[in-house]
C-alpha atoms as a PDB file:
ATOM      1  CA  MET A   1     -30.475 -15.953 -28.630  1.00  0.00           C
ATOM      2  CA  THR A   2     -28.476 -13.127 -27.064  1.00  0.00           C
ATOM      3  CA  GLU A   3     -25.735 -11.919 -29.390  1.00  0.00           C
ATOM      4  CA  ILE A   4     -22.886  -9.694 -28.308  1.00  0.00           C
ATOM      5  CA  LYS A   5     -20.203  -8.535 -30.711  1.00  0.00           C
ATOM      6  CA  THR A   6     -16.878  -8.328 -28.924  1.00  0.00           C
ATOM      7  CA  PRO A   7     -13.455  -8.267 -30.552  1.00  0.00           C
ATOM      8  CA  HIS A   8     -11.270 -11.191 -29.602  1.00  0.00           C
ATOM      9  CA  PRO A   9      -8.274 -10.169 -27.491  1.00  0.00           C
ATOM     10  CA  ARG A  10      -5.063  -9.900 -29.436  1.00  0.00           C
ATOM     11  CA  PRO A  11      -2.289 -12.268 -28.314  1.00  0.00           C
ATOM     12  CA  LEU A  12       0.376 -10.833 -26.063  1.00  0.00           C
ATOM     13  CA  PRO A  13       3.956 -12.029 -25.737  1.00  0.00           C
ATOM     14  CA  ALA A  14       4.597 -14.388 -22.845  1.00  0.00           C
ATOM     15  CA  CYS A  15       6.326 -12.797 -19.871  1.00  0.00           C
ATOM     16  CA  GLY A  16       9.012 -15.417 -19.755  1.00  0.00           C
ATOM     17  CA  GLU A  17       9.791 -18.025 -17.148  1.00  0.00           C
ATOM     18  CA  GLY A  18       8.723 -17.026 -13.671  1.00  0.00           C
ATOM     19  CA  CYS A  19       6.925 -13.872 -14.864  1.00  0.00           C
ATOM     20  CA  LEU A  20       3.764 -13.463 -12.811  1.00  0.00           C
ATOM     21  CA  LYS A  21       1.943 -10.221 -13.437  1.00  0.00           C
ATOM     22  CA  GLY A  22      -1.211  -8.451 -12.227  1.00  0.00           C
ATOM     23  CA  GLY A  23      -3.699  -5.965 -13.691  1.00  0.00           C
ATOM     24  CA  VAL A  24      -6.741  -3.771 -13.029  1.00  0.00           C
ATOM     25  CA  GLY A  25      -9.766  -2.219 -14.766  1.00  0.00           C
ATOM     26  CA  THR A  26     -12.353   0.642 -13.978  1.00  0.00           C
ATOM     27  CA  LEU A  27     -14.501  -1.646 -11.863  1.00  0.00           C
ATOM     28  CA  LEU A  28     -11.496  -4.269 -11.372  1.00  0.00           C
ATOM     29  CA  ALA A  29      -8.737  -5.338  -8.967  1.00  0.00           C
ATOM     30  CA  LEU A  30      -6.147  -7.848 -10.183  1.00  0.00           C
ATOM     31  CA  LEU A  31      -2.717  -8.984  -8.892  1.00  0.00           C
ATOM     32  CA  LEU A  32       0.326 -11.263  -8.428  1.00  0.00           C
ATOM     33  CA  ILE A  33       3.708 -11.361  -6.683  1.00  0.00           C
ATOM     34  CA  LEU A  34       6.605 -10.410  -8.962  1.00  0.00           C
ATOM     35  CA  PRO A  35       9.956  -8.770  -8.267  1.00  0.00           C
ATOM     36  CA  LEU A  36      10.019  -5.282  -9.756  1.00  0.00           C
ATOM     37  CA  ALA A  37      13.202  -6.001 -11.679  1.00  0.00           C
ATOM     38  CA  ALA A  38      11.529  -8.897 -13.490  1.00  0.00           C
ATOM     39  CA  GLN A  39       8.638  -6.699 -14.571  1.00  0.00           C
ATOM     40  CA  GLN A  40      10.830  -4.613 -16.913  1.00  0.00           C
ATOM     41  CA  LEU A  41       8.562  -1.581 -16.674  1.00  0.00           C
ATOM     42  CA  LYS A  42       8.469   0.654 -19.739  1.00  0.00           C
ATOM     43  CA  GLU A  43       8.076   4.407 -19.193  1.00  0.00           C
ATOM     44  CA  PRO A  44       6.737   3.864 -15.652  1.00  0.00           C
ATOM     45  CA  ALA A  45       6.287   7.575 -14.865  1.00  0.00           C
ATOM     46  CA  LYS A  46       4.150   8.128 -17.968  1.00  0.00           C
ATOM     47  CA  ALA A  47       2.190   4.941 -17.304  1.00  0.00           C
ATOM     48  CA  LYS A  48       1.545   5.868 -13.665  1.00  0.00           C
ATOM     49  CA  GLU A  49       0.251   9.315 -14.610  1.00  0.00           C
ATOM     50  CA  ILE A  50      -2.212   7.788 -17.097  1.00  0.00           C
ATOM     51  CA  ALA A  51      -3.291   5.269 -14.449  1.00  0.00           C
ATOM     52  CA  ARG A  52      -3.726   8.095 -11.923  1.00  0.00           C
ATOM     53  CA  LYS A  53      -6.030   9.965 -14.302  1.00  0.00           C
ATOM     54  CA  MET A  54      -8.012   6.766 -14.921  1.00  0.00           C
ATOM     55  CA  ILE A  55      -8.420   5.902 -11.240  1.00  0.00           C
ATOM     56  CA  LYS A  56      -9.014   9.477 -10.041  1.00  0.00           C
ATOM     57  CA  ARG A  57     -11.315  10.591 -12.871  1.00  0.00           C
ATOM     58  CA  ASP A  58     -14.581  12.217 -11.830  1.00  0.00           C
ATOM     59  CA  ASP A  59     -17.300   9.576 -11.570  1.00  0.00           C
ATOM     60  CA  GLY A  60     -19.609  11.601  -9.340  1.00  0.00           C
ATOM     61  CA  LYS A  61     -19.829  11.939  -5.580  1.00  0.00           C
ATOM     62  CA  THR A  62     -23.040   9.897  -5.451  1.00  0.00           C
ATOM     63  CA  SER A  63     -24.881   7.717  -7.937  1.00  0.00           C
ATOM     64  CA  TYR A  64     -28.068   5.713  -8.477  1.00  0.00           C
ATOM     65  CA  ASN A  65     -28.332   2.953 -11.105  1.00  0.00           C
ATOM     66  CA  LEU A  66     -31.056   0.604 -12.250  1.00  0.00           C
ATOM     67  CA  THR A  67     -29.151  -2.283 -13.788  1.00  0.00           C
ATOM     68  CA  LYS A  68     -30.004  -5.387 -15.777  1.00  0.00           C
ATOM     69  CA  VAL A  69     -27.442  -8.176 -16.021  1.00  0.00           C
ATOM     70  CA  ILE A  70     -27.700 -11.069 -18.493  1.00  0.00           C
ATOM     71  CA  THR A  71     -25.436 -14.088 -17.976  1.00  0.00           C
ATOM     72  CA  CYS A  72     -25.049 -17.174 -20.181  1.00  0.00           C
ATOM     73  CA  ALA A  73     -22.687 -19.751 -21.611  1.00  0.00           C
ATOM     74  CA  PHE A  74     -21.448 -18.630 -25.021  1.00  0.00           C
ATOM     75  CA  GLU A  75     -20.081 -19.900 -28.295  1.00  0.00           C
ATOM     76  CA  ALA A  76     -17.808 -17.773 -30.481  1.00  0.00           C
ATOM     77  CA  GLN A  77     -18.712 -17.071 -34.106  1.00  0.00           C
ATOM     78  CA  GLY A  78     -15.996 -14.917 -35.608  1.00  0.00           C
ATOM     79  CA  GLU A  79     -15.950 -11.650 -33.658  1.00  0.00           C
ATOM     80  CA  LYS A  80     -19.369 -12.367 -32.161  1.00  0.00           C
ATOM     81  CA  ARG A  81     -20.315 -14.378 -29.135  1.00  0.00           C
ATOM     82  CA  LYS A  82     -23.767 -15.889 -28.813  1.00  0.00           C
ATOM     83  CA  CYS A  83     -25.485 -17.445 -25.842  1.00  0.00           C
ATOM     84  CA  SER A  84     -25.405 -21.194 -26.348  1.00  0.00           C
ATOM     85  CA  GLY A  85     -27.784 -21.952 -23.494  1.00  0.00           C
ATOM     86  CA  GLN A  86     -30.511 -20.324 -21.503  1.00  0.00           C
ATOM     87  CA  ALA A  87     -29.605 -16.821 -20.358  1.00  0.00           C
ATOM     88  CA  ARG A  88     -30.239 -15.724 -16.771  1.00  0.00           C
ATOM     89  CA  THR A  89     -31.508 -12.178 -16.337  1.00  0.00           C
ATOM     90  CA  LYS A  90     -31.499 -10.224 -13.104  1.00  0.00           C
ATOM     91  CA  SER A  91     -32.320  -6.599 -12.300  1.00  0.00           C
ATOM     92  CA  PHE A  92     -31.029  -4.654  -9.340  1.00  0.00           C
ATOM     93  CA  GLU A  93     -30.800  -1.129  -7.990  1.00  0.00           C
ATOM     94  CA  SER A  94     -27.495   0.317  -6.831  1.00  0.00           C
ATOM     95  CA  ILE A  95     -26.513   3.414  -4.898  1.00  0.00           C
ATOM     96  CA  SER A  96     -23.059   4.691  -3.986  1.00  0.00           C
ATOM     97  CA  LYS A  97     -21.582   7.605  -2.089  1.00  0.00           C
ATOM     98  CA  ASP A  98     -18.105   9.007  -1.516  1.00  0.00           C
ATOM     99  CA  VAL A  99     -17.417   9.380   2.204  1.00  0.00           C
ATOM    100  CA  GLY A 100     -14.575  10.062   4.597  1.00  0.00           C
ATOM    101  CA  PRO A 101     -12.659  13.273   5.429  1.00  0.00           C
ATOM    102  CA  ALA A 102     -11.419  13.729   1.835  1.00  0.00           C
ATOM    103  CA  LEU A 103     -14.364  11.918   0.186  1.00  0.00           C
ATOM    104  CA  GLU A 104     -11.931   9.255  -1.058  1.00  0.00           C
ATOM    105  CA  ASP A 105     -13.662   6.274   0.565  1.00  0.00           C
ATOM    106  CA  THR A 106     -16.809   4.814  -1.029  1.00  0.00           C
ATOM    107  CA  ILE A 107     -19.846   2.934   0.210  1.00  0.00           C
ATOM    108  CA  GLY A 108     -22.244   1.128  -2.099  1.00  0.00           C
ATOM    109  CA  LEU A 109     -25.402  -0.964  -1.884  1.00  0.00           C
ATOM    110  CA  SER A 110     -27.018  -3.148  -4.568  1.00  0.00           C
ATOM    111  CA  VAL A 111     -30.416  -4.854  -4.120  1.00  0.00           C
ATOM    112  CA  ILE A 112     -32.044  -7.341  -6.503  1.00  0.00           C
ATOM    113  CA  SER A 113     -35.560  -6.454  -7.693  1.00  0.00           C
ATOM    114  CA  GLU A 114     -36.028  -9.320 -10.198  1.00  0.00           C
ATOM    115  CA  PRO A 115     -36.479 -12.282 -10.394  1.00  0.00           C
ATOM    116  CA  ALA A 116     -39.103 -12.526  -7.667  1.00  0.00           C
ATOM    117  CA  ASP A 117     -37.470 -15.477  -5.900  1.00  0.00           C
ATOM    118  CA  GLU A 118     -34.282 -13.433  -5.361  1.00  0.00           C
ATOM    119  CA  LYS A 119     -35.919 -10.079  -4.635  1.00  0.00           C
ATOM    120  CA  GLY A 120     -34.336  -8.364  -1.648  1.00  0.00           C
ATOM    121  CA  SER A 121     -30.971 -10.110  -1.944  1.00  0.00           C
ATOM    122  CA  ALA A 122     -28.425  -7.381  -1.286  1.00  0.00           C
ATOM    123  CA  PHE A 123     -24.721  -6.652  -1.569  1.00  0.00           C
ATOM    124  CA  LEU A 124     -23.007  -4.006   0.587  1.00  0.00           C
ATOM    125  CA  GLN A 125     -19.468  -2.779  -0.022  1.00  0.00           C
ATOM    126  CA  LYS A 126     -17.116  -0.321   1.688  1.00  0.00           C
ATOM    127  CA  ASP A 127     -13.902   0.756  -0.068  1.00  0.00           C
ATOM    128  CA  TYR A 128     -11.040   2.608   1.574  1.00  0.00           C
ATOM    129  CA  GLU A 129      -8.313   4.822   0.127  1.00  0.00           C
ATOM    130  CA  GLN A 130      -5.992   4.158   3.072  1.00  0.00           C
ATOM    131  CA  ALA A 131      -3.187   1.804   2.113  1.00  0.00           C
ATOM    132  CA  GLY A 132      -3.481  -1.609   3.730  1.00  0.00           C
ATOM    133  CA  LYS A 133      -7.171  -1.231   4.568  1.00  0.00           C
ATOM    134  CA  ASP A 134      -9.041  -3.877   2.607  1.00  0.00           C
ATOM    135  CA  THR A 135     -12.444  -3.556   0.986  1.00  0.00           C
ATOM    136  CA  GLU A 136     -15.292  -4.860   3.170  1.00  0.00           C
ATOM    137  CA  GLN A 137     -18.178  -6.750   1.518  1.00  0.00           C
ATOM    138  CA  TRP A 138     -21.403  -8.313   2.817  1.00  0.00           C
ATOM    139  CA  MET A 139     -24.183 -10.347   1.210  1.00  0.00           C
ATOM    140  CA  TYR A 140     -27.752 -10.476   2.545  1.00  0.00           C
ATOM    141  CA  LEU A 141     -30.056 -13.383   1.650  1.00  0.00           C
ATOM    142  CA  PRO A 142     -33.675 -12.658   2.694  1.00  0.00           C
ATOM    143  CA  ALA A 143     -34.622 -16.351   2.746  1.00  0.00           C
ATOM    144  CA  LEU A 144     -32.063 -16.900   5.499  1.00  0.00           C
ATOM    145  CA  LYS A 145     -32.541 -13.441   7.034  1.00  0.00           C
ATOM    146  CA  LYS A 146     -28.814 -13.313   7.505  1.00  0.00           C
ATOM    147  CA  LEU A 147     -26.147 -10.753   6.631  1.00  0.00           C
ATOM    148  CA  LYS A 148     -22.935 -12.574   5.768  1.00  0.00           C
ATOM    149  CA  ARG A 149     -19.468 -11.037   5.588  1.00  0.00           C
ATOM    150  CA  ILE A 150     -17.588 -12.049   2.443  1.00  0.00           C
ATOM    151  CA  VAL A 151     -14.064 -12.988   3.423  1.00  0.00           C
ATOM    152  CA  ALA A 152     -11.118 -14.879   1.990  1.00  0.00           C
ATOM    153  CA  GLU A 153      -9.868 -18.077   3.560  1.00  0.00           C
ATOM    154  CA  SER A 154      -6.965 -16.110   5.006  1.00  0.00           C
ATOM    155  CA  SER A 155      -5.768 -12.510   5.162  1.00  0.00           C
ATOM    156  CA  ASN A 156      -3.332 -13.227   2.352  1.00  0.00           C
ATOM    157  CA  SER A 157      -5.565 -15.056  -0.117  1.00  0.00           C
ATOM    158  CA  PRO A 158      -8.159 -13.903  -2.667  1.00  0.00           C
ATOM    159  CA  LYS A 159     -11.901 -13.901  -2.158  1.00  0.00           C
ATOM    160  CA  THR A 160     -13.983 -16.339  -4.172  1.00  0.00           C
ATOM    161  CA  GLY A 161     -17.491 -15.983  -5.577  1.00  0.00           C
ATOM    162  CA  THR A 162     -19.275 -13.618  -7.940  1.00  0.00           C
ATOM    163  CA  LEU A 163     -21.757 -10.755  -7.761  1.00  0.00           C
ATOM    164  CA  PHE A 164     -25.337 -12.097  -8.000  1.00  0.00           C
ATOM    165  CA  GLY A 165     -24.190 -15.160  -9.963  1.00  0.00           C
ATOM    166  CA  SER A 166     -22.664 -13.129 -12.797  1.00  0.00           C
ATOM    167  CA  GLU A 167     -19.139 -13.459 -14.200  1.00  0.00           C
ATOM    168  CA  ILE A 168     -18.051 -10.422 -12.164  1.00  0.00           C
ATOM    169  CA  ALA A 169     -15.981 -11.650  -9.233  1.00  0.00           C
ATOM    170  CA  TYR A 170     -16.085  -9.961  -5.851  1.00  0.00           C
ATOM    171  CA  GLU A 171     -12.497  -8.833  -6.269  1.00  0.00           C
ATOM    172  CA  ASP A 172     -13.297  -7.334  -9.688  1.00  0.00           C
ATOM    173  CA  ILE A 173     -15.432  -4.640  -8.070  1.00  0.00           C
ATOM    174  CA  GLU A 174     -13.068  -3.703  -5.277  1.00  0.00           C
ATOM    175  CA  LYS A 175     -11.712  -0.166  -5.411  1.00  0.00           C
ATOM    176  CA  VAL A 176      -8.370   0.130  -7.174  1.00  0.00           C
ATOM    177  CA  ARG A 177      -5.683   2.094  -5.340  1.00  0.00           C
ATOM    178  CA  LEU A 178      -2.887   3.628  -7.378  1.00  0.00           C
ATOM    179  CA  SER A 179      -0.365   2.674  -4.702  1.00  0.00           C
ATOM    180  CA  ASP A 180      -1.221  -1.025  -5.043  1.00  0.00           C
ATOM    181  CA  TYR A 181       0.204  -1.376  -8.570  1.00  0.00           C
ATOM    182  CA  ASN A 182       3.168  -0.614 -10.770  1.00  0.00           C
ATOM    183  CA  TYR A 183       2.434   0.331 -14.367  1.00  0.00           C
ATOM    184  CA  SER A 184       4.147  -0.091 -17.710  1.00  0.00           C
ATOM    185  CA  TYR A 185       3.370   1.861 -20.896  1.00  0.00           C
ATOM    186  CA  LEU A 186       2.911  -0.388 -23.948  1.00  0.00           C
ATOM    187  CA  GLY A 187       1.880   2.132 -26.606  1.00  0.00           C
ATOM    188  CA  GLU A 188      -1.326   3.263 -28.279  1.00  0.00           C
ATOM    189  CA  GLU A 189      -4.138   1.566 -30.199  1.00  0.00           C
ATOM    190  CA  LYS A 190      -7.718   2.215 -31.292  1.00  0.00           C
ATOM    191  CA  VAL A 191     -10.567   0.306 -29.608  1.00  0.00           C
ATOM    192  CA  ASP A 192     -14.106   0.835 -30.914  1.00  0.00           C
ATOM    193  CA  GLY A 193     -12.823   3.849 -32.820  1.00  0.00           C
ATOM    194  CA  LYS A 194     -11.372   5.432 -29.669  1.00  0.00           C
ATOM    195  CA  ASP A 195      -7.719   6.406 -29.389  1.00  0.00           C
ATOM    196  CA  CYS A 196      -6.357   4.566 -26.353  1.00  0.00           C
ATOM    197  CA  TYR A 197      -3.243   4.280 -24.253  1.00  0.00           C
ATOM    198  CA  ILE A 198      -2.209   0.687 -23.509  1.00  0.00           C
ATOM    199  CA  LEU A 199      -1.022  -0.012 -19.979  1.00  0.00           C
ATOM    200  CA  GLU A 200       0.140  -3.137 -18.230  1.00  0.00           C
ATOM    201  CA  SER A 201      -0.268  -3.286 -14.468  1.00  0.00           C
ATOM    202  CA  PHE A 202       1.727  -5.175 -11.870  1.00  0.00           C
ATOM    203  CA  PRO A 203       0.682  -5.573  -8.232  1.00  0.00           C
ATOM    204  CA  THR A 204       2.965  -4.603  -5.414  1.00  0.00           C
ATOM    205  CA  ALA A 205       4.223  -7.302  -3.064  1.00  0.00           C
ATOM    206  CA  SER A 206       1.661  -6.363  -0.399  1.00  0.00           C
ATOM    207  CA  ARG A 207      -1.265  -6.477  -2.840  1.00  0.00           C
ATOM    208  CA  ALA A 208      -0.231  -9.599  -4.712  1.00  0.00           C
ATOM    209  CA  PRO A 209      -1.353 -12.429  -2.390  1.00  0.00           C
ATOM    210  CA  LYS A 210      -4.964 -11.225  -2.307  1.00  0.00           C
ATOM    211  CA  SER A 211      -6.016 -12.021  -5.884  1.00  0.00           C
ATOM    212  CA  SER A 212      -6.515 -15.029  -8.114  1.00  0.00           C
ATOM    213  CA  TYR A 213      -5.350 -13.067 -11.171  1.00  0.00           C
ATOM    214  CA  GLY A 214      -1.899 -12.696 -12.646  1.00  0.00           C
ATOM    215  CA  ARG A 215      -1.398  -9.669 -14.868  1.00  0.00           C
ATOM    216  CA  GLY A 216      -3.633  -7.217 -16.678  1.00  0.00           C
ATOM    217  CA  VAL A 217      -3.573  -5.090 -19.823  1.00  0.00           C
ATOM    218  CA  LEU A 218      -5.766  -1.997 -20.082  1.00  0.00           C
ATOM    219  CA  TRP A 219      -6.833   0.113 -23.039  1.00  0.00           C
ATOM    220  CA  VAL A 220      -7.549   3.595 -21.617  1.00  0.00           C
ATOM    221  CA  ASP A 221      -9.537   6.075 -23.712  1.00  0.00           C
ATOM    222  CA  LYS A 222      -7.460   9.221 -24.157  1.00  0.00           C
ATOM    223  CA  SER A 223     -10.441  11.566 -23.947  1.00  0.00           C
ATOM    224  CA  THR A 224     -12.379  10.100 -20.991  1.00  0.00           C
ATOM    225  CA  PHE A 225      -9.715   8.026 -19.205  1.00  0.00           C
ATOM    226  CA  ILE A 226     -12.169   5.145 -19.013  1.00  0.00           C
ATOM    227  CA  ALA A 227     -10.659   1.685 -19.496  1.00  0.00           C
ATOM    228  CA  VAL A 228     -12.695   0.644 -22.520  1.00  0.00           C
ATOM    229  CA  LYS A 229     -11.076  -2.789 -22.532  1.00  0.00           C
ATOM    230  CA  SER A 230      -9.176  -4.839 -19.959  1.00  0.00           C
ATOM    231  CA  ASP A 231      -7.555  -8.265 -20.261  1.00  0.00           C
ATOM    232  CA  SER A 232      -6.968 -10.203 -17.048  1.00  0.00           C
ATOM    233  CA  TYR A 233      -4.503 -13.091 -16.796  1.00  0.00           C
ATOM    234  CA  ASP A 234      -3.969 -15.798 -14.210  1.00  0.00           C
ATOM    235  CA  ARG A 235      -0.679 -16.648 -12.532  1.00  0.00           C
ATOM    236  CA  GLN A 236       0.255 -18.997 -15.339  1.00  0.00           C
ATOM    237  CA  ASN A 237      -0.116 -16.124 -17.850  1.00  0.00           C
ATOM    238  CA  ARG A 238      -3.349 -17.531 -19.310  1.00  0.00           C
ATOM    239  CA  LEU A 239      -6.095 -15.126 -20.361  1.00  0.00           C
ATOM    240  CA  VAL A 240      -8.997 -15.472 -17.917  1.00  0.00           C
ATOM    241  CA  LYS A 241     -11.331 -12.529 -18.531  1.00  0.00           C
ATOM    242  CA  THR A 242     -11.868  -9.621 -20.886  1.00  0.00           C
ATOM    243  CA  PHE A 243     -13.885  -6.581 -19.819  1.00  0.00           C
ATOM    244  CA  PHE A 244     -15.420  -4.115 -22.279  1.00  0.00           C
ATOM    245  CA  SER A 245     -16.897  -0.730 -21.296  1.00  0.00           C
ATOM    246  CA  LYS A 246     -19.330   0.450 -23.975  1.00  0.00           C
ATOM    247  CA  ASP A 247     -22.070   2.982 -24.707  1.00  0.00           C
ATOM    248  CA  ILE A 248     -20.229   5.804 -22.961  1.00  0.00           C
ATOM    249  CA  GLN A 249     -22.522   8.772 -22.324  1.00  0.00           C
ATOM    250  CA  VAL A 250     -22.368  12.000 -20.351  1.00  0.00           C
ATOM    251  CA  VAL A 251     -24.743  11.943 -17.375  1.00  0.00           C
ATOM    252  CA  GLY A 252     -24.779  14.899 -15.005  1.00  0.00           C
ATOM    253  CA  GLY A 253     -21.506  16.120 -16.469  1.00  0.00           C
ATOM    254  CA  VAL A 254     -19.815  12.758 -15.862  1.00  0.00           C
ATOM    255  CA  HIS A 255     -18.779  10.172 -18.463  1.00  0.00           C
ATOM    256  CA  VAL A 256     -20.557   6.881 -17.731  1.00  0.00           C
ATOM    257  CA  ALA A 257     -20.186   3.506 -19.481  1.00  0.00           C
ATOM    258  CA  ARG A 258     -23.762   2.252 -19.671  1.00  0.00           C
ATOM    259  CA  GLN A 259     -22.727  -1.246 -20.728  1.00  0.00           C
ATOM    260  CA  LEU A 260     -20.138  -3.570 -19.222  1.00  0.00           C
ATOM    261  CA  ILE A 261     -19.419  -6.862 -20.973  1.00  0.00           C
ATOM    262  CA  VAL A 262     -17.441  -9.507 -19.085  1.00  0.00           C
ATOM    263  CA  VAL A 263     -16.152 -12.495 -21.055  1.00  0.00           C
ATOM    264  CA  ASN A 264     -14.843 -15.398 -18.976  1.00  0.00           C
ATOM    265  CA  HIS A 265     -12.484 -17.360 -21.244  1.00  0.00           C
ATOM    266  CA  LYS A 266     -11.934 -20.049 -18.636  1.00  0.00           C
ATOM    267  CA  ASN A 267     -15.533 -21.308 -18.396  1.00  0.00           C
ATOM    268  CA  ASN A 268     -16.897 -19.865 -21.674  1.00  0.00           C
ATOM    269  CA  ARG A 269     -19.490 -17.744 -19.920  1.00  0.00           C
ATOM    270  CA  MET A 270     -20.235 -14.048 -20.251  1.00  0.00           C
ATOM    271  CA  SER A 271     -22.250 -11.319 -18.558  1.00  0.00           C
ATOM    272  CA  LEU A 272     -23.744  -8.181 -20.086  1.00  0.00           C
ATOM    273  CA  MET A 273     -24.493  -5.467 -17.546  1.00  0.00           C
ATOM    274  CA  LYS A 274     -26.685  -2.610 -18.797  1.00  0.00           C
ATOM    275  CA  LEU A 275     -27.436   0.573 -16.861  1.00  0.00           C
ATOM    276  CA  GLU A 276     -31.075   1.215 -17.719  1.00  0.00           C
ATOM    277  CA  LYS A 277     -31.299   4.284 -15.481  1.00  0.00           C
ATOM    278  CA  VAL A 278     -28.500   6.461 -14.132  1.00  0.00           C
ATOM    279  CA  LYS A 279     -28.440   9.466 -11.815  1.00  0.00           C
ATOM    280  CA  ILE A 280     -25.290  11.251 -10.690  1.00  0.00           C
ATOM    281  CA  ASN A 281     -24.599  13.640  -7.787  1.00  0.00           C
ATOM    282  CA  LEU A 282     -27.994  13.388  -6.123  1.00  0.00           C
ATOM    283  CA  PRO A 283     -28.664  13.566  -2.361  1.00  0.00           C
ATOM    284  CA  ILE A 284     -28.399  10.096  -0.773  1.00  0.00           C
ATOM    285  CA  PRO A 285     -28.702   9.722   3.021  1.00  0.00           C
ATOM    286  CA  GLU A 286     -25.969   7.641   4.651  1.00  0.00           C
ATOM    287  CA  ALA A 287     -28.702   5.768   6.527  1.00  0.00           C
ATOM    288  CA  LEU A 288     -29.303   3.842   3.302  1.00  0.00           C
ATOM    289  CA  PHE A 289     -25.903   2.205   3.656  1.00  0.00           C
ATOM    290  CA  ASP A 290     -26.508   0.990   7.197  1.00  0.00           C
ATOM    291  CA  THR A 291     -27.112  -2.700   7.865  1.00  0.00           C
ATOM    292  CA  ARG A 292     -30.720  -1.811   8.728  1.00  0.00           C
ATOM    293  CA  ALA A 293     -31.304  -0.655   5.152  1.00  0.00           C
ATOM    294  CA  VAL A 294     -29.822  -3.916   3.882  1.00  0.00           C
ATOM    295  CA  GLN A 295     -32.089  -6.138   5.971  1.00  0.00           C
ATOM    296  CA  ASP A 296     -35.239  -4.024   6.430  1.00  0.00           C
ATOM    297  CA  SER A 297     -36.982  -3.681   3.064  1.00  0.00           C
ATOM    298  CA  ALA A 298     -39.741  -1.419   4.438  1.00  0.00           C
ATOM    299  CA  PHE A 299     -37.199   1.050   5.815  1.00  0.00           C
ATOM    300  CA  ARG A 300     -35.175   0.906   2.607  1.00  0.00           C
ATOM    301  CA  GLU A 301     -38.217   1.581   0.428  1.00  0.00           C
ATOM    302  CA  SER A 302     -39.211   4.541   2.576  1.00  0.00           C
ATOM    303  CA  GLN A 303     -35.835   6.141   1.816  1.00  0.00           C
ATOM    304  CA  MET A 304     -35.508   5.152  -1.856  1.00  0.00           C
ATOM    305  CA  GLY A 305     -38.594   6.938  -3.169  1.00  0.00           C
ATOM    306  CA  SER A 306     -36.933  10.347  -3.516  1.00  0.00           C
ATOM    307  CA  ILE A 307     -33.831   8.821  -5.123  1.00  0.00           C
ATOM    308  CA  ARG A 308     -35.500   6.923  -7.930  1.00  0.00           C
END
């Protein structure tokens, strides 16, 4: 049985009638429509500067990861959560690269290596710093030999679905732009022995319609500016997910969380994502992010050898 010790989220005061809030994490994008006056931001300038340092922190210009993700239904036992059913395990390789004139856009590719019946399934993502330019995502299924664009039902609605069947939603891994959110400073607290700032995030009116989440609360490590914990709420102010970033190590001069735990409180399922191999700031040709590399495994393998 897989056992993961995760502290239960502490209760937060309700926002009050009509209070719909949004939030974000290091790998997250969360939102909701709410008039700024109703948000009652606390120390917004201080909160925004902390959020800026979190979002803009150095995470490398390129990266390579070999990742294992374990997903299962869970049952809570005190501060621990145990898989209550059969766990699904998948392994995949990921590469990413900062691109664009100011290297503020990002492209990334993830390809499943195990299990065998899903080998070659791939996920391609392009993030943009430019305001109003939405993240682009594609999924490739080798059995169908088809590259499919992941889109919402409309331009003003959230995407649905999760990454490789985990509890990580497509919108959770979209790039977070500082301009898309307003921030409130809630204080300080220790998480896993780390001194943290506590922020609450609120989406702007333009960002709000594109997410299924309501508000978010983030615990940001003072020393690394990594969000070591994030609580995500729906539009009815109910806790939906908690994200934990753990096993933070320095790789290539960059702080990296080698474990991400995602607890879905709505369906009582969780995912543990472990980075088994990490490389930072290595040469990666942009050809590996082309649609040919997604669909042509022989071409992709010919380029990946020097990266691994």
